[in-house]
Amino acid sequence: MSLFMRMILEESQRNYLMQQQYENEIKLLPKGTVILKKVGNHEYHYLKYREGKKTITDYIGKDKAKIKNVRSKLDKSSS
């Protein structure tokens, strides 16, 4: 096999592995958006997303670090 063909084959394999890695990383990121609901004087943060035809709302919690973490992951997944 020529040097040129070997280089193309190696590059093709490298691209395939990178694509698989990116797809796996994307699957780990959350989908949806962070929703803030106010009840009285209290604020509640939820992650809202769709699964098929259903809209799912998951409570995130009051921890500001956790909320910031979810938002940063959502920003990663949308860019």
N, C-alpha and C. Protein backbone atom coordinates (compact mmCIF):
# COMPACT_ATOMS: atom_id res chain seq x y z
N MET A 1 0.86 -1.17 0.00
CA MET A 1 0.00 0.00 0.00
C MET A 1 0.91 1.24 0.00
N SER A 2 0.52 2.20 -0.77
CA SER A 2 1.35 3.40 -0.88
C SER A 2 1.25 4.26 0.38
N LEU A 3 2.21 5.11 0.54
CA LEU A 3 2.25 6.01 1.69
C LEU A 3 1.02 6.90 1.72
N PHE A 4 0.64 7.40 0.56
CA PHE A 4 -0.53 8.29 0.46
C PHE A 4 -1.80 7.57 0.90
N MET A 5 -2.01 6.35 0.45
CA MET A 5 -3.21 5.59 0.81
C MET A 5 -3.22 5.27 2.31
N ARG A 6 -2.05 4.96 2.86
CA ARG A 6 -1.95 4.67 4.29
C ARG A 6 -2.30 5.91 5.11
N MET A 7 -1.85 7.08 4.66
CA MET A 7 -2.17 8.33 5.36
C MET A 7 -3.67 8.60 5.32
N ILE A 8 -4.27 8.39 4.17
CA ILE A 8 -5.72 8.61 4.04
C ILE A 8 -6.49 7.65 4.94
N LEU A 9 -6.07 6.40 4.98
CA LEU A 9 -6.73 5.41 5.83
C LEU A 9 -6.59 5.77 7.31
N GLU A 10 -5.42 6.17 7.74
CA GLU A 10 -5.20 6.57 9.13
C GLU A 10 -6.04 7.79 9.48
N GLU A 11 -6.10 8.76 8.58
CA GLU A 11 -6.89 9.97 8.83
C GLU A 11 -8.37 9.64 8.91
N SER A 12 -8.82 8.75 8.05
CA SER A 12 -10.22 8.33 8.07
C SER A 12 -10.56 7.64 9.40
N GLN A 13 -9.68 6.78 9.87
CA GLN A 13 -9.90 6.10 11.15
C GLN A 13 -9.90 7.10 12.31
N ARG A 14 -8.97 8.03 12.27
CA ARG A 14 -8.89 9.06 13.32
C ARG A 14 -10.17 9.89 13.35
N ASN A 15 -10.66 10.28 12.18
CA ASN A 15 -11.89 11.07 12.11
C ASN A 15 -13.09 10.29 12.63
N TYR A 16 -13.15 9.00 12.32
CA TYR A 16 -14.25 8.16 12.79
C TYR A 16 -14.23 8.08 14.32
N LEU A 17 -13.05 7.86 14.90
CA LEU A 17 -12.93 7.77 16.36
C LEU A 17 -13.30 9.09 17.03
N MET A 18 -12.87 10.19 16.45
CA MET A 18 -13.21 11.50 17.01
C MET A 18 -14.72 11.74 16.95
N GLN A 19 -15.34 11.36 15.84
CA GLN A 19 -16.78 11.54 15.70
C GLN A 19 -17.52 10.73 16.76
N GLN A 20 -17.10 9.49 17.01
CA GLN A 20 -17.72 8.66 18.03
C GLN A 20 -17.56 9.29 19.41
N GLN A 21 -16.37 9.83 19.69
CA GLN A 21 -16.11 10.47 20.97
C GLN A 21 -17.01 11.69 21.16
N TYR A 22 -17.14 12.52 20.13
CA TYR A 22 -17.99 13.71 20.22
C TYR A 22 -19.45 13.32 20.43
N GLU A 23 -19.91 12.29 19.73
CA GLU A 23 -21.30 11.86 19.90
C GLU A 23 -21.55 11.36 21.32
N ASN A 24 -20.59 10.64 21.89
CA ASN A 24 -20.74 10.16 23.27
C ASN A 24 -20.75 11.32 24.26
N GLU A 25 -19.92 12.34 24.03
CA GLU A 25 -19.90 13.50 24.91
C GLU A 25 -21.21 14.27 24.82
N ILE A 26 -21.77 14.39 23.63
CA ILE A 26 -23.04 15.10 23.45
C ILE A 26 -24.17 14.37 24.17
N LYS A 27 -24.16 13.05 24.14
CA LYS A 27 -25.20 12.27 24.81
C LYS A 27 -25.20 12.50 26.32
N LEU A 28 -24.03 12.82 26.89
CA LEU A 28 -23.93 13.04 28.33
C LEU A 28 -24.44 14.41 28.76
N LEU A 29 -24.52 15.35 27.82
CA LEU A 29 -24.96 16.71 28.15
C LEU A 29 -26.48 16.74 28.30
N PRO A 30 -26.98 17.58 29.22
CA PRO A 30 -28.44 17.68 29.38
C PRO A 30 -29.06 18.41 28.20
N LYS A 31 -30.35 18.18 28.01
CA LYS A 31 -31.08 18.90 26.98
C LYS A 31 -32.18 19.69 27.66
N GLY A 32 -32.62 20.74 27.01
CA GLY A 32 -33.70 21.54 27.57
C GLY A 32 -33.25 22.92 27.97
N THR A 33 -33.97 23.47 28.94
CA THR A 33 -33.68 24.82 29.42
C THR A 33 -33.98 24.91 30.91
N VAL A 34 -33.33 25.84 31.58
CA VAL A 34 -33.57 26.06 33.01
C VAL A 34 -34.72 27.04 33.16
N ILE A 35 -35.71 26.65 33.94
CA ILE A 35 -36.90 27.46 34.18
C ILE A 35 -36.89 27.90 35.65
N LEU A 36 -37.19 29.15 35.89
CA LEU A 36 -37.29 29.69 37.25
C LEU A 36 -38.77 29.90 37.57
N LYS A 37 -39.22 29.26 38.65
CA LYS A 37 -40.60 29.45 39.10
C LYS A 37 -40.56 30.12 40.47
N LYS A 38 -41.39 31.14 40.63
CA LYS A 38 -41.47 31.85 41.91
C LYS A 38 -42.80 31.50 42.57
N VAL A 39 -42.70 31.04 43.81
CA VAL A 39 -43.88 30.75 44.62
C VAL A 39 -43.70 31.54 45.91
N GLY A 40 -44.51 32.58 46.05
CA GLY A 40 -44.36 33.46 47.20
C GLY A 40 -43.01 34.16 47.11
N ASN A 41 -42.22 34.05 48.15
CA ASN A 41 -40.89 34.67 48.17
C ASN A 41 -39.79 33.68 47.79
N HIS A 42 -40.16 32.49 47.38
CA HIS A 42 -39.18 31.44 47.09
C HIS A 42 -39.01 31.25 45.58
N GLU A 43 -37.78 30.95 45.18
CA GLU A 43 -37.48 30.67 43.78
C GLU A 43 -37.09 29.21 43.64
N TYR A 44 -37.63 28.55 42.63
CA TYR A 44 -37.35 27.15 42.37
C TYR A 44 -36.86 27.00 40.93
N HIS A 45 -35.75 26.30 40.76
CA HIS A 45 -35.16 26.11 39.43
C HIS A 45 -35.46 24.69 38.94
N TYR A 46 -35.89 24.62 37.69
CA TYR A 46 -36.24 23.34 37.08
C TYR A 46 -35.55 23.22 35.73
N LEU A 47 -35.25 21.98 35.34
CA LEU A 47 -34.76 21.68 34.00
C LEU A 47 -35.96 21.16 33.22
N LYS A 48 -36.30 21.83 32.14
CA LYS A 48 -37.47 21.47 31.35
C LYS A 48 -37.02 21.01 29.97
N TYR A 49 -37.48 19.82 29.56
CA TYR A 49 -37.10 19.26 28.26
C TYR A 49 -38.20 18.33 27.76
N ARG A 50 -38.06 17.89 26.52
CA ARG A 50 -39.06 17.02 25.91
C ARG A 50 -38.50 15.61 25.73
N GLU A 51 -39.36 14.64 25.94
CA GLU A 51 -39.08 13.24 25.61
C GLU A 51 -40.25 12.78 24.76
N GLY A 52 -40.02 12.71 23.46
CA GLY A 52 -41.11 12.38 22.56
C GLY A 52 -42.13 13.50 22.57
N LYS A 53 -43.38 13.16 22.90
CA LYS A 53 -44.43 14.18 22.96
C LYS A 53 -44.61 14.75 24.36
N LYS A 54 -43.93 14.16 25.35
CA LYS A 54 -44.08 14.61 26.73
C LYS A 54 -43.09 15.71 27.07
N THR A 55 -43.52 16.65 27.89
CA THR A 55 -42.64 17.68 28.44
C THR A 55 -42.31 17.26 29.87
N ILE A 56 -41.02 17.14 30.15
CA ILE A 56 -40.55 16.70 31.45
C ILE A 56 -39.97 17.90 32.19
N THR A 57 -40.31 18.03 33.47
CA THR A 57 -39.78 19.10 34.31
C THR A 57 -39.13 18.46 35.52
N ASP A 58 -37.80 18.61 35.64
CA ASP A 58 -37.04 18.05 36.76
C ASP A 58 -36.57 19.18 37.67
N TYR A 59 -36.77 19.00 38.97
CA TYR A 59 -36.31 19.98 39.95
C TYR A 59 -34.79 19.91 40.07
N ILE A 60 -34.13 21.06 39.96
CA ILE A 60 -32.67 21.11 40.07
C ILE A 60 -32.25 21.28 41.52
N GLY A 61 -32.90 22.16 42.22
CA GLY A 61 -32.53 22.42 43.61
C GLY A 61 -32.20 23.89 43.81
N LYS A 62 -31.80 24.23 45.02
CA LYS A 62 -31.50 25.63 45.35
C LYS A 62 -30.01 25.94 45.30
N ASP A 63 -29.18 24.91 45.18
CA ASP A 63 -27.73 25.09 45.18
C ASP A 63 -27.30 25.87 43.94
N LYS A 64 -26.79 27.07 44.16
CA LYS A 64 -26.40 27.95 43.04
C LYS A 64 -25.31 27.33 42.18
N ALA A 65 -24.39 26.58 42.79
CA ALA A 65 -23.32 25.93 42.03
C ALA A 65 -23.90 24.88 41.09
N LYS A 66 -24.89 24.13 41.57
CA LYS A 66 -25.52 23.10 40.73
C LYS A 66 -26.29 23.74 39.58
N ILE A 67 -26.99 24.83 39.86
CA ILE A 67 -27.73 25.54 38.82
C ILE A 67 -26.77 26.08 37.77
N LYS A 68 -25.67 26.67 38.22
CA LYS A 68 -24.66 27.21 37.30
C LYS A 68 -24.06 26.09 36.46
N ASN A 69 -23.81 24.93 37.08
CA ASN A 69 -23.26 23.79 36.37
C ASN A 69 -24.20 23.31 35.27
N VAL A 70 -25.49 23.20 35.59
CA VAL A 70 -26.48 22.77 34.59
C VAL A 70 -26.55 23.77 33.45
N ARG A 71 -26.56 25.06 33.78
CA ARG A 71 -26.61 26.09 32.74
C ARG A 71 -25.38 26.04 31.83
N SER A 72 -24.20 25.82 32.41
CA SER A 72 -22.99 25.78 31.59
C SER A 72 -23.00 24.55 30.68
N LYS A 73 -23.51 23.42 31.17
CA LYS A 73 -23.63 22.23 30.32
C LYS A 73 -24.64 22.46 29.20
N LEU A 74 -25.73 23.16 29.50
CA LEU A 74 -26.71 23.47 28.46
C LEU A 74 -26.11 24.40 27.41
N ASP A 75 -25.30 25.36 27.85
CA ASP A 75 -24.63 26.26 26.90
C ASP A 75 -23.70 25.48 25.99
N LYS A 76 -23.00 24.49 26.56
CA LYS A 76 -22.11 23.65 25.76
C LYS A 76 -22.89 22.87 24.71
N SER A 77 -24.04 22.33 25.12
CA SER A 77 -24.81 21.48 24.20
C SER A 77 -25.47 22.29 23.09
N SER A 78 -25.72 23.57 23.34
CA SER A 78 -26.38 24.38 22.31
C SER A 78 -25.38 25.03 21.36
N SER A 79 -24.11 25.00 21.69
CA SER A 79 -23.12 25.63 20.80
C SER A 79 -22.40 24.62 19.95
